[in-house]
């Protein structure tokens, strides 16, 4: 599977992968990450989140893993982490977005206030 090209990502798929970039997380933590990092402008509802995770798992970008022993046990809580293919897909998407932001900046489309805080 490592020689496979990662499939294209949807915005929600990329956001989930970003949430998992620092390690494993459960669905609610992924939802909170996306909401926090976008200052509330993007909110992944449970339906979108779990359909997205199911697609990422089916594509081999994310895998389900055992929970964290330091947290209280909740049989309903499922944890996920990126696979090596998921890391490749996230890096590829990040490179593409960085190029697009560079073009937008050169075209004068990037708000200067955002540049100073980024």
Protein backbone atom coordinates (compact mmCIF):
# COMPACT_ATOMS: atom_id res chain seq x y z
CA UNK A 1 0.00 0.00 0.00
CA UNK A 2 2.93 2.39 0.57
CA UNK A 3 3.57 2.64 -3.18
CA UNK A 4 -0.01 3.83 -3.81
CA UNK A 5 -0.62 7.46 -4.68
CA UNK A 6 -2.78 9.13 -2.04
CA UNK A 7 -6.24 10.08 -3.37
CA UNK A 8 -7.30 13.74 -3.61
CA UNK A 9 -8.63 15.20 -0.37
CA UNK A 10 -11.84 17.07 0.29
CA UNK A 11 -11.61 20.11 2.56
CA UNK A 12 -13.15 18.07 5.40
CA UNK A 13 -10.71 15.23 4.75
CA UNK A 14 -7.76 17.60 4.92
CA UNK A 15 -9.08 19.15 8.13
CA UNK A 16 -9.41 15.71 9.74
CA UNK A 17 -5.85 14.83 8.71
CA UNK A 18 -4.60 18.11 10.20
CA UNK A 19 -6.36 17.25 13.44
CA UNK A 20 -4.55 13.91 13.49
CA UNK A 21 -1.14 15.35 12.56
CA UNK A 22 0.01 15.44 16.19
CA UNK A 23 -1.14 11.89 16.91
CA UNK A 24 -4.26 9.91 17.60
CA UNK A 25 -7.55 11.56 18.51
CA UNK A 26 -11.20 10.67 18.90
CA UNK A 27 -13.99 12.14 16.81
CA UNK A 28 -15.08 14.81 19.26
CA UNK A 29 -11.48 16.05 19.59
CA UNK A 30 -11.26 16.25 15.78
CA UNK A 31 -14.49 18.29 15.66
CA UNK A 32 -13.19 20.67 18.34
CA UNK A 33 -9.80 21.04 16.60
CA UNK A 34 -11.43 22.07 13.32
CA UNK A 35 -13.75 24.49 15.06
CA UNK A 36 -10.89 25.99 17.09
CA UNK A 37 -8.38 26.30 14.24
CA UNK A 38 -10.97 28.00 11.99
CA UNK A 39 -12.24 30.31 14.76
CA UNK A 40 -15.65 28.67 14.41
CA UNK A 41 -16.05 29.35 10.69
CA UNK A 42 -15.96 25.60 9.95
CA UNK A 43 -17.92 23.17 12.07
CA UNK A 44 -17.88 19.52 11.09
CA UNK A 45 -21.14 17.97 12.21
CA UNK A 46 -21.16 14.34 13.33
CA UNK A 47 -22.54 13.08 10.01
CA UNK A 48 -19.92 14.87 7.93
CA UNK A 49 -17.15 13.97 10.35
CA UNK A 50 -17.86 10.25 10.52
CA UNK A 51 -18.55 9.92 6.77
CA UNK A 52 -15.24 11.68 6.17
CA UNK A 53 -13.39 9.44 8.62
CA UNK A 54 -14.99 6.34 7.04
CA UNK A 55 -13.78 7.49 3.60
CA UNK A 56 -10.28 8.20 4.92
CA UNK A 57 -10.17 4.74 6.52
CA UNK A 58 -11.41 3.11 3.28
CA UNK A 59 -8.73 5.00 1.32
CA UNK A 60 -6.02 3.84 3.74
CA UNK A 61 -5.22 7.36 5.00
CA UNK A 62 -6.47 6.85 8.56
CA UNK A 63 -6.75 3.83 10.81
CA UNK A 64 -8.64 3.12 13.99
CA UNK A 65 -6.41 2.50 17.02
CA UNK A 66 -6.87 1.62 20.66
CA UNK A 67 -7.78 4.35 23.12
CA UNK A 68 -5.61 6.20 25.58
CA UNK A 69 -5.12 4.44 28.93
CA UNK A 70 -4.83 7.80 30.71
CA UNK A 71 -8.42 8.77 29.85
CA UNK A 72 -11.56 7.26 31.37
CA UNK A 73 -12.77 4.25 29.40
CA UNK A 74 -15.68 4.91 27.06
CA UNK A 75 -16.56 1.97 24.81
CA UNK A 76 -18.24 4.32 22.33
CA UNK A 77 -15.16 6.46 21.83
CA UNK A 78 -13.04 5.48 18.83
CA UNK A 79 -9.55 6.78 18.23
CA UNK A 80 -7.94 7.39 14.86
CA UNK A 81 -4.48 8.18 13.53
CA UNK A 82 -2.95 8.90 10.16
CA UNK A 83 -1.21 6.15 8.23
CA UNK A 84 1.97 6.80 6.26
CA UNK A 85 -0.22 7.21 3.16
CA UNK A 86 -2.31 9.75 5.08
CA UNK A 87 0.82 11.69 6.00
CA UNK A 88 1.83 11.73 2.32
CA UNK A 89 -1.64 12.95 1.31
CA UNK A 90 -1.62 15.69 3.96
CA UNK A 91 1.85 16.86 2.90
CA UNK A 92 0.84 16.92 -0.76
CA UNK A 93 -2.30 18.92 0.01
CA UNK A 94 -0.37 21.32 2.26
CA UNK A 95 2.18 21.95 -0.51
CA UNK A 96 -0.62 22.65 -2.98
CA UNK A 97 -2.39 25.03 -0.60
CA UNK A 98 0.87 26.86 0.15
CA UNK A 99 1.43 27.41 -3.59
CA UNK A 100 -2.13 28.68 -3.99
CA UNK A 101 -1.77 31.06 -1.04
CA UNK A 102 1.48 32.37 -2.58
CA UNK A 103 -0.33 33.10 -5.84
CA UNK A 104 -3.18 34.78 -3.96
CA UNK A 105 -0.71 36.90 -2.01
CA UNK A 106 1.10 37.95 -5.20
CA UNK A 107 -2.27 38.90 -6.70
CA UNK A 108 -3.03 41.14 -3.72
CA UNK A 109 -5.83 38.91 -2.47
CA UNK A 110 -4.39 38.18 0.97
CA UNK A 111 -5.52 40.60 3.65
CA UNK A 112 -2.45 42.25 5.17
CA UNK A 113 -3.90 41.89 8.70
CA UNK A 114 -4.00 38.13 8.22
CA UNK A 115 -0.41 38.06 7.01
CA UNK A 116 0.84 39.73 10.16
CA UNK A 117 -0.93 37.18 12.41
CA UNK A 118 -0.11 34.09 10.35
